[in-house]
Amino acid sequence: MRIMTFFSLIIILLFISSCKKKENLDIQELKTNTAIVRKSYNQTEKKNILKDYIKLYKLKNYKVKIEKDCDLNMDGQMDKIIIFEPFEIADNKLTKESPVCVFIKKGENYDVYENKNIVYTSFFNSMAEGLQDLVVKDSYFTFEENNQAGDIRGNDYITFKYDLKSKEIILHKYSIELITIDGGENDKTFTYGKEVFGNIFFNDFDIDKIKERINN
């Protein structure tokens, strides 16, 4: 009788040990699966970073004005430039609060550059003024903007370059084209580059400070 009790006890202990091992395996499997799900979710988030930025700016009361695909770092992966502008424009106020976002593709992710001090996308009293176009060629991209001052029309061209060595976006040149009503000899073009400004990174650029520097 004692022998039977002893064997019964052994069987019970083996059963409990087996259950604990299975429980540990189940917990480990659950942790592994959770990690896989989180990893997949993070990868999905990275792929949707462009949509997330657009949603974010819409929540801030902005809309997309210009969106262009490009390959600024010439690596065969598609980069993107997006210019936002406010949904509403205050009375008699220039709107420089127009963020520009540059997305440089890096595998499943992006390097993101942002600046809201580059262009005036909207003028309350003139649809013909402000940002007109964004032109991209190779590693260069140019903001084309129109300004009116009495009888003289001004075209501003702000060009940035993605530098392949430093992997930075740097101001390449700033040009002002002055066109009079009569045209001809009175038309003038002024171009300012690194020799005037030095190296100005994309994130640090401010068009008001640039204009102040060349006017002094």
C-alpha atoms as a PDB file:
ATOM      1  CA  MET A   1       0.000   0.000   0.000  1.00  0.00           C
ATOM      2  CA  ARG A   2       2.871   2.313   0.880  1.00  0.00           C
ATOM      3  CA  ILE A   3       4.583   1.421  -2.425  1.00  0.00           C
ATOM      4  CA  MET A   4       1.445   2.366  -4.366  1.00  0.00           C
ATOM      5  CA  THR A   5       1.199   5.660  -2.470  1.00  0.00           C
ATOM      6  CA  PHE A   6       4.872   6.407  -3.225  1.00  0.00           C
ATOM      7  CA  PHE A   7       4.417   5.744  -6.972  1.00  0.00           C
ATOM      8  CA  SER A   8       1.214   7.788  -6.994  1.00  0.00           C
ATOM      9  CA  LEU A   9       3.095  10.694  -5.426  1.00  0.00           C
ATOM     10  CA  ILE A  10       5.833  10.463  -8.067  1.00  0.00           C
ATOM     11  CA  ILE A  11       3.252  10.466 -10.874  1.00  0.00           C
ATOM     12  CA  ILE A  12       1.531  13.540  -9.395  1.00  0.00           C
ATOM     13  CA  LEU A  13       4.882  15.397  -9.082  1.00  0.00           C
ATOM     14  CA  LEU A  14       5.827  14.554 -12.676  1.00  0.00           C
ATOM     15  CA  PHE A  15       2.435  15.802 -13.861  1.00  0.00           C
ATOM     16  CA  ILE A  16       2.826  19.107 -11.967  1.00  0.00           C
ATOM     17  CA  SER A  17       6.370  19.561 -13.340  1.00  0.00           C
ATOM     18  CA  SER A  18       5.122  18.908 -16.868  1.00  0.00           C
ATOM     19  CA  CYS A  19       2.337  21.485 -16.457  1.00  0.00           C
ATOM     20  CA  LYS A  20       4.804  24.112 -15.199  1.00  0.00           C
ATOM     21  CA  LYS A  21       7.091  23.528 -18.186  1.00  0.00           C
ATOM     22  CA  LYS A  22       4.155  23.897 -20.569  1.00  0.00           C
ATOM     23  CA  GLU A  23       3.041  27.071 -18.778  1.00  0.00           C
ATOM     24  CA  ASN A  24       6.552  28.516 -19.080  1.00  0.00           C
ATOM     25  CA  LEU A  25       6.654  27.642 -22.773  1.00  0.00           C
ATOM     26  CA  ASP A  26       3.234  29.264 -23.310  1.00  0.00           C
ATOM     27  CA  ILE A  27       4.369  32.455 -21.554  1.00  0.00           C
ATOM     28  CA  GLN A  28       7.584  32.563 -23.600  1.00  0.00           C
ATOM     29  CA  GLU A  29       5.618  31.998 -26.808  1.00  0.00           C
ATOM     30  CA  LEU A  30       3.245  34.817 -25.860  1.00  0.00           C
ATOM     31  CA  LYS A  31       6.179  37.184 -25.232  1.00  0.00           C
ATOM     32  CA  THR A  32       7.774  36.208 -28.547  1.00  0.00           C
ATOM     33  CA  ASN A  33       4.542  36.733 -30.467  1.00  0.00           C
ATOM     34  CA  THR A  34       4.000  40.104 -28.760  1.00  0.00           C
ATOM     35  CA  ALA A  35       7.518  41.172 -29.735  1.00  0.00           C
ATOM     36  CA  ILE A  36       6.876  40.134 -33.339  1.00  0.00           C
ATOM     37  CA  VAL A  37       3.600  42.068 -33.410  1.00  0.00           C
ATOM     38  CA  ARG A  38       5.280  45.182 -31.964  1.00  0.00           C
ATOM     39  CA  LYS A  39       8.126  44.918 -34.469  1.00  0.00           C
ATOM     40  CA  SER A  40       5.675  44.620 -37.363  1.00  0.00           C
ATOM     41  CA  TYR A  41       3.671  47.571 -36.021  1.00  0.00           C
ATOM     42  CA  ASN A  42       6.801  49.718 -35.797  1.00  0.00           C
ATOM     43  CA  GLN A  43       7.743  48.820 -39.361  1.00  0.00           C
ATOM     44  CA  THR A  44       4.242  49.792 -40.498  1.00  0.00           C
ATOM     45  CA  GLU A  45       4.575  53.110 -38.663  1.00  0.00           C
ATOM     46  CA  LYS A  46       7.831  53.857 -40.467  1.00  0.00           C
ATOM     47  CA  LYS A  47       6.268  53.148 -43.840  1.00  0.00           C
ATOM     48  CA  ASN A  48       3.390  55.526 -43.069  1.00  0.00           C
ATOM     49  CA  ILE A  49       5.515  58.422 -41.813  1.00  0.00           C
ATOM     50  CA  LEU A  50       4.514  60.567 -44.802  1.00  0.00           C
ATOM     51  CA  LYS A  51       0.813  60.040 -44.120  1.00  0.00           C
ATOM     52  CA  ASP A  52       1.417  60.728 -40.440  1.00  0.00           C
ATOM     53  CA  TYR A  53       3.074  64.070 -41.216  1.00  0.00           C
ATOM     54  CA  ILE A  54       0.210  65.101 -43.493  1.00  0.00           C
ATOM     55  CA  LYS A  55      -2.322  64.138 -40.804  1.00  0.00           C
ATOM     56  CA  LEU A  56      -0.319  66.047 -38.195  1.00  0.00           C
ATOM     57  CA  TYR A  57      -0.297  69.259 -40.233  1.00  0.00           C
ATOM     58  CA  LYS A  58      -3.974  68.907 -41.071  1.00  0.00           C
ATOM     59  CA  LEU A  59      -4.662  68.815 -37.335  1.00  0.00           C
ATOM     60  CA  LYS A  60      -2.672  72.057 -37.121  1.00  0.00           C
ATOM     61  CA  ASN A  61      -5.000  73.558 -39.761  1.00  0.00           C
ATOM     62  CA  TYR A  62      -2.648  73.219 -42.751  1.00  0.00           C
ATOM     63  CA  LYS A  63      -3.210  71.768 -46.200  1.00  0.00           C
ATOM     64  CA  VAL A  64      -0.795  70.439 -48.843  1.00  0.00           C
ATOM     65  CA  LYS A  65       0.040  73.085 -51.445  1.00  0.00           C
ATOM     66  CA  ILE A  66       2.781  71.305 -53.413  1.00  0.00           C
ATOM     67  CA  GLU A  67       4.035  67.719 -53.200  1.00  0.00           C
ATOM     68  CA  LYS A  68       6.882  66.422 -55.372  1.00  0.00           C
ATOM     69  CA  ASP A  69       8.735  63.121 -55.664  1.00  0.00           C
ATOM     70  CA  CYS A  70      12.482  63.288 -56.259  1.00  0.00           C
ATOM     71  CA  ASP A  71      15.815  61.576 -55.552  1.00  0.00           C
ATOM     72  CA  LEU A  72      17.913  64.296 -53.944  1.00  0.00           C
ATOM     73  CA  ASN A  73      20.690  62.031 -52.658  1.00  0.00           C
ATOM     74  CA  MET A  74      20.814  60.073 -55.929  1.00  0.00           C
ATOM     75  CA  ASP A  75      20.601  56.644 -54.252  1.00  0.00           C
ATOM     76  CA  GLY A  76      17.727  55.248 -56.301  1.00  0.00           C
ATOM     77  CA  GLN A  77      15.216  55.581 -53.416  1.00  0.00           C
ATOM     78  CA  MET A  78      12.288  57.958 -53.773  1.00  0.00           C
ATOM     79  CA  ASP A  79      12.498  61.107 -51.639  1.00  0.00           C
ATOM     80  CA  LYS A  80       9.725  63.670 -51.284  1.00  0.00           C
ATOM     81  CA  ILE A  81       9.240  67.403 -50.700  1.00  0.00           C
ATOM     82  CA  ILE A  82       5.935  68.692 -49.293  1.00  0.00           C
ATOM     83  CA  ILE A  83       4.967  72.355 -48.879  1.00  0.00           C
ATOM     84  CA  PHE A  84       2.076  73.121 -46.535  1.00  0.00           C
ATOM     85  CA  GLU A  85       0.021  76.293 -46.210  1.00  0.00           C
ATOM     86  CA  PRO A  86      -2.654  77.430 -43.726  1.00  0.00           C
ATOM     87  CA  PHE A  87      -6.301  76.741 -44.539  1.00  0.00           C
ATOM     88  CA  GLU A  88      -7.159  80.324 -43.624  1.00  0.00           C
ATOM     89  CA  ILE A  89      -5.227  83.563 -44.130  1.00  0.00           C
ATOM     90  CA  ALA A  90      -5.541  86.491 -41.727  1.00  0.00           C
ATOM     91  CA  ASP A  91      -6.734  89.816 -43.174  1.00  0.00           C
ATOM     92  CA  ASN A  92      -4.001  91.918 -44.797  1.00  0.00           C
ATOM     93  CA  LYS A  93      -1.260  89.617 -43.578  1.00  0.00           C
ATOM     94  CA  LEU A  94       1.568  87.908 -45.423  1.00  0.00           C
ATOM     95  CA  THR A  95       1.634  84.199 -44.664  1.00  0.00           C
ATOM     96  CA  LYS A  96       5.130  82.902 -44.091  1.00  0.00           C
ATOM     97  CA  GLU A  97       3.911  80.212 -41.714  1.00  0.00           C
ATOM     98  CA  SER A  98       4.159  77.682 -44.533  1.00  0.00           C
ATOM     99  CA  PRO A  99       6.210  74.659 -43.459  1.00  0.00           C
ATOM    100  CA  VAL A 100       8.397  72.853 -45.969  1.00  0.00           C
ATOM    101  CA  CYS A 101       9.228  69.219 -45.213  1.00  0.00           C
ATOM    102  CA  VAL A 102      11.928  67.241 -47.029  1.00  0.00           C
ATOM    103  CA  PHE A 103      11.869  63.460 -46.621  1.00  0.00           C
ATOM    104  CA  ILE A 104      15.097  61.628 -47.524  1.00  0.00           C
ATOM    105  CA  LYS A 105      14.428  57.890 -47.846  1.00  0.00           C
ATOM    106  CA  LYS A 106      16.634  55.656 -45.719  1.00  0.00           C
ATOM    107  CA  GLY A 107      15.571  52.023 -46.119  1.00  0.00           C
ATOM    108  CA  GLU A 108      12.229  51.674 -44.363  1.00  0.00           C
ATOM    109  CA  ASN A 109      12.576  55.072 -42.695  1.00  0.00           C
ATOM    110  CA  TYR A 110      13.194  58.733 -43.592  1.00  0.00           C
ATOM    111  CA  ASP A 111      15.463  61.552 -42.518  1.00  0.00           C
ATOM    112  CA  VAL A 112      13.097  64.511 -42.115  1.00  0.00           C
ATOM    113  CA  TYR A 113      14.040  68.186 -42.545  1.00  0.00           C
ATOM    114  CA  GLU A 114      11.535  70.923 -41.636  1.00  0.00           C
ATOM    115  CA  ASN A 115      11.494  74.709 -42.045  1.00  0.00           C
ATOM    116  CA  LYS A 116       8.654  77.250 -41.977  1.00  0.00           C
ATOM    117  CA  ASN A 117      10.767  80.350 -42.718  1.00  0.00           C
ATOM    118  CA  ILE A 118      11.468  79.867 -46.411  1.00  0.00           C
ATOM    119  CA  VAL A 119       8.495  80.925 -48.534  1.00  0.00           C
ATOM    120  CA  TYR A 120       5.334  83.003 -48.470  1.00  0.00           C
ATOM    121  CA  THR A 121       2.757  80.643 -49.917  1.00  0.00           C
ATOM    122  CA  SER A 122      -0.127  83.101 -49.679  1.00  0.00           C
ATOM    123  CA  PHE A 123      -0.768  86.831 -49.892  1.00  0.00           C
ATOM    124  CA  PHE A 124      -4.203  87.928 -48.702  1.00  0.00           C
ATOM    125  CA  ASN A 125      -4.662  90.673 -51.322  1.00  0.00           C
ATOM    126  CA  SER A 126      -2.960  89.071 -54.340  1.00  0.00           C
ATOM    127  CA  MET A 127      -3.336  85.563 -55.764  1.00  0.00           C
ATOM    128  CA  ALA A 128      -0.460  86.259 -58.179  1.00  0.00           C
ATOM    129  CA  GLU A 129       2.051  86.823 -55.392  1.00  0.00           C
ATOM    130  CA  GLY A 130       3.751  84.352 -53.125  1.00  0.00           C
ATOM    131  CA  LEU A 131       5.022  80.875 -53.989  1.00  0.00           C
ATOM    132  CA  GLN A 132       4.398  79.898 -57.602  1.00  0.00           C
ATOM    133  CA  ASP A 133       6.288  76.648 -58.091  1.00  0.00           C
ATOM    134  CA  LEU A 134       8.831  74.167 -56.763  1.00  0.00           C
ATOM    135  CA  VAL A 135      11.361  72.930 -59.337  1.00  0.00           C
ATOM    136  CA  VAL A 136      13.532  69.881 -58.652  1.00  0.00           C
ATOM    137  CA  LYS A 137      16.552  68.813 -60.702  1.00  0.00           C
ATOM    138  CA  ASP A 138      18.950  66.119 -59.479  1.00  0.00           C
ATOM    139  CA  SER A 139      20.207  67.175 -56.014  1.00  0.00           C
ATOM    140  CA  TYR A 140      18.861  70.746 -56.367  1.00  0.00           C
ATOM    141  CA  PHE A 141      15.421  72.155 -55.609  1.00  0.00           C
ATOM    142  CA  THR A 142      14.253  75.734 -56.162  1.00  0.00           C
ATOM    143  CA  PHE A 143      11.344  77.714 -54.710  1.00  0.00           C
ATOM    144  CA  GLU A 144       9.982  80.220 -57.238  1.00  0.00           C
ATOM    145  CA  GLU A 145       8.144  83.185 -55.741  1.00  0.00           C
ATOM    146  CA  ASN A 146       6.568  86.353 -57.184  1.00  0.00           C
ATOM    147  CA  ASN A 147       6.508  89.741 -55.458  1.00  0.00           C
ATOM    148  CA  GLN A 148       5.016  93.016 -56.621  1.00  0.00           C
ATOM    149  CA  ALA A 149       6.303  96.472 -55.607  1.00  0.00           C
ATOM    150  CA  GLY A 150       4.645  99.310 -57.543  1.00  0.00           C
ATOM    151  CA  ASP A 151       5.729  99.196 -61.179  1.00  0.00           C
ATOM    152  CA  ILE A 152       8.404  96.589 -60.526  1.00  0.00           C
ATOM    153  CA  ARG A 153       7.734  92.869 -60.380  1.00  0.00           C
ATOM    154  CA  GLY A 154      10.188  90.743 -58.473  1.00  0.00           C
ATOM    155  CA  ASN A 155      10.826  87.055 -58.976  1.00  0.00           C
ATOM    156  CA  ASP A 156      12.693  85.338 -56.146  1.00  0.00           C
ATOM    157  CA  TYR A 157      14.502  82.026 -56.607  1.00  0.00           C
ATOM    158  CA  ILE A 158      15.716  80.153 -53.509  1.00  0.00           C
ATOM    159  CA  THR A 159      17.826  77.118 -54.393  1.00  0.00           C
ATOM    160  CA  PHE A 160      18.961  74.396 -52.008  1.00  0.00           C
ATOM    161  CA  LYS A 161      21.272  71.476 -52.682  1.00  0.00           C
ATOM    162  CA  TYR A 162      21.570  68.085 -51.026  1.00  0.00           C
ATOM    163  CA  ASP A 163      25.317  67.747 -50.495  1.00  0.00           C
ATOM    164  CA  LEU A 164      26.340  64.143 -51.143  1.00  0.00           C
ATOM    165  CA  LYS A 165      29.531  64.384 -49.052  1.00  0.00           C
ATOM    166  CA  SER A 166      28.188  65.998 -45.879  1.00  0.00           C
ATOM    167  CA  LYS A 167      24.681  64.529 -46.360  1.00  0.00           C
ATOM    168  CA  GLU A 168      23.216  67.926 -45.476  1.00  0.00           C
ATOM    169  CA  ILE A 169      20.773  70.208 -47.294  1.00  0.00           C
ATOM    170  CA  ILE A 170      22.531  73.554 -47.830  1.00  0.00           C
ATOM    171  CA  LEU A 171      21.525  76.862 -49.424  1.00  0.00           C
ATOM    172  CA  HIS A 172      23.041  76.948 -52.921  1.00  0.00           C
ATOM    173  CA  LYS A 173      21.982  80.435 -54.044  1.00  0.00           C
ATOM    174  CA  TYR A 174      19.374  83.136 -53.735  1.00  0.00           C
ATOM    175  CA  SER A 175      18.457  85.127 -56.859  1.00  0.00           C
ATOM    176  CA  ILE A 176      16.275  88.212 -57.303  1.00  0.00           C
ATOM    177  CA  GLU A 177      14.961  89.121 -60.750  1.00  0.00           C
ATOM    178  CA  LEU A 178      13.565  92.671 -61.054  1.00  0.00           C
ATOM    179  CA  ILE A 179      11.300  93.263 -64.060  1.00  0.00           C
ATOM    180  CA  THR A 180       9.917  96.703 -64.891  1.00  0.00           C
ATOM    181  CA  ILE A 181       6.793  97.421 -66.922  1.00  0.00           C
ATOM    182  CA  ASP A 182       8.889  98.827 -69.774  1.00  0.00           C
ATOM    183  CA  GLY A 183      11.367  95.971 -69.601  1.00  0.00           C
ATOM    184  CA  GLY A 184      14.674  96.119 -71.432  1.00  0.00           C
ATOM    185  CA  GLU A 185      17.705  97.792 -69.857  1.00  0.00           C
ATOM    186  CA  ASN A 186      15.977  98.464 -66.529  1.00  0.00           C
ATOM    187  CA  ASP A 187      15.534  94.749 -65.808  1.00  0.00           C
ATOM    188  CA  LYS A 188      18.125  93.420 -63.380  1.00  0.00           C
ATOM    189  CA  THR A 189      19.091  90.121 -61.782  1.00  0.00           C
ATOM    190  CA  PHE A 190      21.071  89.739 -58.553  1.00  0.00           C
ATOM    191  CA  THR A 191      22.460  86.401 -57.391  1.00  0.00           C
ATOM    192  CA  TYR A 192      23.931  85.684 -53.964  1.00  0.00           C
ATOM    193  CA  GLY A 193      25.645  82.490 -52.954  1.00  0.00           C
ATOM    194  CA  LYS A 194      28.056  80.933 -50.476  1.00  0.00           C
ATOM    195  CA  GLU A 195      30.511  83.801 -50.864  1.00  0.00           C
ATOM    196  CA  VAL A 196      27.920  86.094 -49.221  1.00  0.00           C
ATOM    197  CA  PHE A 197      26.118  83.814 -46.754  1.00  0.00           C
ATOM    198  CA  GLY A 198      28.601  81.028 -46.066  1.00  0.00           C
ATOM    199  CA  ASN A 199      26.999  77.643 -45.386  1.00  0.00           C
ATOM    200  CA  ILE A 200      23.353  77.939 -44.349  1.00  0.00           C
ATOM    201  CA  PHE A 201      21.635  74.662 -43.543  1.00  0.00           C
ATOM    202  CA  PHE A 202      18.058  74.066 -44.628  1.00  0.00           C
ATOM    203  CA  ASN A 203      16.685  73.944 -41.078  1.00  0.00           C
ATOM    204  CA  ASP A 204      18.350  77.278 -40.193  1.00  0.00           C
ATOM    205  CA  PHE A 205      17.308  79.275 -43.266  1.00  0.00           C
ATOM    206  CA  ASP A 206      15.148  82.392 -42.774  1.00  0.00           C
ATOM    207  CA  ILE A 207      14.266  84.458 -45.848  1.00  0.00           C
ATOM    208  CA  ASP A 208      13.689  87.633 -43.801  1.00  0.00           C
ATOM    209  CA  LYS A 209      17.206  87.453 -42.346  1.00  0.00           C
ATOM    210  CA  ILE A 210      18.636  86.793 -45.814  1.00  0.00           C
ATOM    211  CA  LYS A 211      16.923  89.859 -47.258  1.00  0.00           C
ATOM    212  CA  GLU A 212      18.032  91.953 -44.296  1.00  0.00           C
ATOM    213  CA  ARG A 213      21.649  90.918 -44.833  1.00  0.00           C
ATOM    214  CA  ILE A 214      21.798  91.780 -48.536  1.00  0.00           C
ATOM    215  CA  ASN A 215      20.000  95.088 -48.022  1.00  0.00           C
ATOM    216  CA  ASN A 216      22.509  96.324 -45.424  1.00  0.00           C
END
